[in-house]
Amino acid sequence: MSDSQQTTFDDFLKVDIRVGKIIQVDEFPEARKPAWKLLIDFGDKIGVKKSSAQIVANYSAAELVGKQVMAVVNFPPRQIGPFMSEVLTLGFEDADGNVTLASVDKEVPIGGRLH
C-alpha cells in the first residue's frame, strides 16, 4: 500500500461522486492559477452546480462543453476569489503537473453515482 491512509467502505459511501455534463464554461481571470468556471448539469435531483477547475492547460472552453465529468457533490460550497464553487470536479495530474479530468469512457445518464 502507498503512503495513503486506509479508509473504510462506510467512509467511501459518505463521499457522493456523481457524473454531470458541462453545459457552460467561462473564463476566470480572478483565479490565482489559470482556471475555468464551469456550470455542470447533474440532472433533476441535484440540478446545475458551479465549479472552478484548474484545467486550462489541457482543455479549451469549446471542448469542455458537453463533456461528462465526475464531481463530489456533497462537500460544502467553497469561496474561490469572487466565485462560489459548489462541487469539486475531479481529475489527475498528468506528467507535466496539469490536471486531466476524471470522466466516464461511455455516455451515462447524468446524476449517476459512482459505485
C-alpha atoms as a PDB file:
ATOM      1  CA  MET A   1       0.000   0.000   0.000  1.00  0.00           C
ATOM      2  CA  SER A   2       1.158   3.531  -0.703  1.00  0.00           C
ATOM      3  CA  ASP A   3       1.644   6.181   1.948  1.00  0.00           C
ATOM      4  CA  SER A   4      -2.104   6.963   1.917  1.00  0.00           C
ATOM      5  CA  GLN A   5      -4.132   6.101   4.978  1.00  0.00           C
ATOM      6  CA  GLN A   6      -6.637   3.233   4.794  1.00  0.00           C
ATOM      7  CA  THR A   7     -10.323   4.058   4.980  1.00  0.00           C
ATOM      8  CA  THR A   8     -13.497   2.061   5.483  1.00  0.00           C
ATOM      9  CA  PHE A   9     -16.196   1.313   2.927  1.00  0.00           C
ATOM     10  CA  ASP A  10     -18.612   3.360   5.054  1.00  0.00           C
ATOM     11  CA  ASP A  11     -16.249   6.336   4.739  1.00  0.00           C
ATOM     12  CA  PHE A  12     -16.230   5.897   0.949  1.00  0.00           C
ATOM     13  CA  LEU A  13     -20.037   5.869   0.866  1.00  0.00           C
ATOM     14  CA  LYS A  14     -20.097   9.284   2.575  1.00  0.00           C
ATOM     15  CA  VAL A  15     -18.409  10.848  -0.477  1.00  0.00           C
ATOM     16  CA  ASP A  16     -21.110  11.408  -3.102  1.00  0.00           C
ATOM     17  CA  ILE A  17     -19.396  11.309  -6.512  1.00  0.00           C
ATOM     18  CA  ARG A  18     -21.736  11.916  -9.457  1.00  0.00           C
ATOM     19  CA  VAL A  19     -21.414  12.285 -13.204  1.00  0.00           C
ATOM     20  CA  GLY A  20     -22.533  15.550 -14.741  1.00  0.00           C
ATOM     21  CA  LYS A  21     -22.426  17.245 -18.118  1.00  0.00           C
ATOM     22  CA  ILE A  22     -20.635  20.566 -18.552  1.00  0.00           C
ATOM     23  CA  ILE A  23     -23.146  22.994 -20.050  1.00  0.00           C
ATOM     24  CA  GLN A  24     -21.209  26.276 -19.821  1.00  0.00           C
ATOM     25  CA  VAL A  25     -17.571  27.347 -19.498  1.00  0.00           C
ATOM     26  CA  ASP A  26     -16.440  30.868 -18.632  1.00  0.00           C
ATOM     27  CA  GLU A  27     -13.059  32.477 -18.132  1.00  0.00           C
ATOM     28  CA  PHE A  28     -11.940  33.021 -14.539  1.00  0.00           C
ATOM     29  CA  PRO A  29      -9.366  35.843 -14.714  1.00  0.00           C
ATOM     30  CA  GLU A  30      -9.540  36.464 -10.935  1.00  0.00           C
ATOM     31  CA  ALA A  31      -8.235  32.964 -10.101  1.00  0.00           C
ATOM     32  CA  ARG A  32      -4.693  32.752  -8.699  1.00  0.00           C
ATOM     33  CA  LYS A  33      -3.887  29.852 -11.054  1.00  0.00           C
ATOM     34  CA  PRO A  34      -5.418  29.632 -14.547  1.00  0.00           C
ATOM     35  CA  ALA A  35      -8.899  28.112 -14.241  1.00  0.00           C
ATOM     36  CA  TRP A  36     -12.278  27.819 -15.897  1.00  0.00           C
ATOM     37  CA  LYS A  37     -15.644  28.484 -14.269  1.00  0.00           C
ATOM     38  CA  LEU A  38     -17.891  25.531 -15.101  1.00  0.00           C
ATOM     39  CA  LEU A  39     -21.647  25.042 -14.964  1.00  0.00           C
ATOM     40  CA  ILE A  40     -22.341  21.318 -14.650  1.00  0.00           C
ATOM     41  CA  ASP A  41     -25.765  19.693 -15.012  1.00  0.00           C
ATOM     42  CA  PHE A  42     -26.287  16.747 -12.651  1.00  0.00           C
ATOM     43  CA  GLY A  43     -29.927  16.119 -13.589  1.00  0.00           C
ATOM     44  CA  ASP A  44     -33.229  16.806 -11.863  1.00  0.00           C
ATOM     45  CA  LYS A  45     -32.308  15.507  -8.391  1.00  0.00           C
ATOM     46  CA  ILE A  46     -29.130  17.589  -7.916  1.00  0.00           C
ATOM     47  CA  GLY A  47     -29.526  20.290 -10.562  1.00  0.00           C
ATOM     48  CA  VAL A  48     -26.957  22.599 -12.141  1.00  0.00           C
ATOM     49  CA  LYS A  49     -23.916  23.371  -9.991  1.00  0.00           C
ATOM     50  CA  LYS A  50     -20.903  25.685 -10.308  1.00  0.00           C
ATOM     51  CA  SER A  51     -17.282  24.574 -10.105  1.00  0.00           C
ATOM     52  CA  SER A  52     -13.879  26.114 -10.634  1.00  0.00           C
ATOM     53  CA  ALA A  53     -11.340  23.864 -12.341  1.00  0.00           C
ATOM     54  CA  GLN A  54      -7.633  24.457 -12.993  1.00  0.00           C
ATOM     55  CA  ILE A  55      -7.704  22.610 -16.312  1.00  0.00           C
ATOM     56  CA  VAL A  56      -6.914  25.335 -18.859  1.00  0.00           C
ATOM     57  CA  ALA A  57      -3.587  23.734 -19.856  1.00  0.00           C
ATOM     58  CA  ASN A  58      -5.357  20.610 -21.122  1.00  0.00           C
ATOM     59  CA  TYR A  59      -8.806  21.827 -22.210  1.00  0.00           C
ATOM     60  CA  SER A  60     -10.258  24.674 -24.255  1.00  0.00           C
ATOM     61  CA  ALA A  61     -13.666  26.041 -23.323  1.00  0.00           C
ATOM     62  CA  ALA A  62     -15.149  24.704 -26.571  1.00  0.00           C
ATOM     63  CA  GLU A  63     -14.017  21.119 -25.984  1.00  0.00           C
ATOM     64  CA  LEU A  64     -15.374  21.115 -22.416  1.00  0.00           C
ATOM     65  CA  VAL A  65     -18.990  21.948 -23.279  1.00  0.00           C
ATOM     66  CA  GLY A  66     -20.941  18.686 -23.440  1.00  0.00           C
ATOM     67  CA  LYS A  67     -18.213  16.657 -21.703  1.00  0.00           C
ATOM     68  CA  GLN A  68     -19.258  14.312 -18.911  1.00  0.00           C
ATOM     69  CA  VAL A  69     -17.167  14.701 -15.759  1.00  0.00           C
ATOM     70  CA  MET A  70     -17.127  13.331 -12.228  1.00  0.00           C
ATOM     71  CA  ALA A  71     -17.511  15.561  -9.193  1.00  0.00           C
ATOM     72  CA  VAL A  72     -18.012  15.356  -5.446  1.00  0.00           C
ATOM     73  CA  VAL A  73     -21.443  16.912  -4.904  1.00  0.00           C
ATOM     74  CA  ASN A  74     -21.749  16.752  -1.110  1.00  0.00           C
ATOM     75  CA  PHE A  75     -18.850  18.960   0.006  1.00  0.00           C
ATOM     76  CA  PRO A  76     -19.820  22.372   1.401  1.00  0.00           C
ATOM     77  CA  PRO A  77     -19.558  25.239  -1.128  1.00  0.00           C
ATOM     78  CA  ARG A  78     -16.113  26.857  -1.248  1.00  0.00           C
ATOM     79  CA  GLN A  79     -15.374  30.507  -1.965  1.00  0.00           C
ATOM     80  CA  ILE A  80     -12.639  30.880  -4.597  1.00  0.00           C
ATOM     81  CA  GLY A  81     -11.986  34.584  -5.005  1.00  0.00           C
ATOM     82  CA  PRO A  82     -15.280  36.143  -6.145  1.00  0.00           C
ATOM     83  CA  PHE A  83     -16.672  32.737  -7.220  1.00  0.00           C
ATOM     84  CA  MET A  84     -18.588  30.211  -5.097  1.00  0.00           C
ATOM     85  CA  SER A  85     -17.682  26.663  -6.156  1.00  0.00           C
ATOM     86  CA  GLU A  86     -20.473  24.230  -5.272  1.00  0.00           C
ATOM     87  CA  VAL A  87     -18.908  20.910  -6.328  1.00  0.00           C
ATOM     88  CA  LEU A  88     -15.373  19.513  -6.590  1.00  0.00           C
ATOM     89  CA  THR A  89     -14.632  18.450 -10.164  1.00  0.00           C
ATOM     90  CA  LEU A  90     -12.242  15.503 -10.082  1.00  0.00           C
ATOM     91  CA  GLY A  91      -9.047  14.950 -12.045  1.00  0.00           C
ATOM     92  CA  PHE A  92      -5.497  13.658 -12.015  1.00  0.00           C
ATOM     93  CA  GLU A  93      -2.171  15.372 -12.671  1.00  0.00           C
ATOM     94  CA  ASP A  94      -0.533  14.427 -15.945  1.00  0.00           C
ATOM     95  CA  ALA A  95       3.245  14.053 -16.419  1.00  0.00           C
ATOM     96  CA  ASP A  96       3.570  17.853 -16.649  1.00  0.00           C
ATOM     97  CA  GLY A  97       1.589  18.517 -13.450  1.00  0.00           C
ATOM     98  CA  ASN A  98      -1.509  19.737 -15.297  1.00  0.00           C
ATOM     99  CA  VAL A  99      -4.922  18.390 -14.323  1.00  0.00           C
ATOM    100  CA  THR A 100      -6.691  15.910 -16.607  1.00  0.00           C
ATOM    101  CA  LEU A 101     -10.373  15.400 -15.825  1.00  0.00           C
ATOM    102  CA  ALA A 102     -11.702  12.156 -14.403  1.00  0.00           C
ATOM    103  CA  SER A 103     -14.543  11.122 -16.671  1.00  0.00           C
ATOM    104  CA  VAL A 104     -16.504   8.132 -17.893  1.00  0.00           C
ATOM    105  CA  ASP A 105     -15.416   6.285 -21.027  1.00  0.00           C
ATOM    106  CA  LYS A 106     -19.007   5.843 -22.278  1.00  0.00           C
ATOM    107  CA  GLU A 107     -22.004   8.174 -22.067  1.00  0.00           C
ATOM    108  CA  VAL A 108     -24.073   7.511 -18.926  1.00  0.00           C
ATOM    109  CA  PRO A 109     -27.186   9.202 -17.503  1.00  0.00           C
ATOM    110  CA  ILE A 110     -26.253  12.446 -15.759  1.00  0.00           C
ATOM    111  CA  GLY A 111     -26.599  12.431 -11.999  1.00  0.00           C
ATOM    112  CA  GLY A 112     -25.464   8.805 -11.739  1.00  0.00           C
ATOM    113  CA  ARG A 113     -23.486   7.917  -8.628  1.00  0.00           C
ATOM    114  CA  LEU A 114     -20.035   6.325  -8.672  1.00  0.00           C
ATOM    115  CA  HIS A 115     -20.080   2.773  -7.316  1.00  0.00           C
END
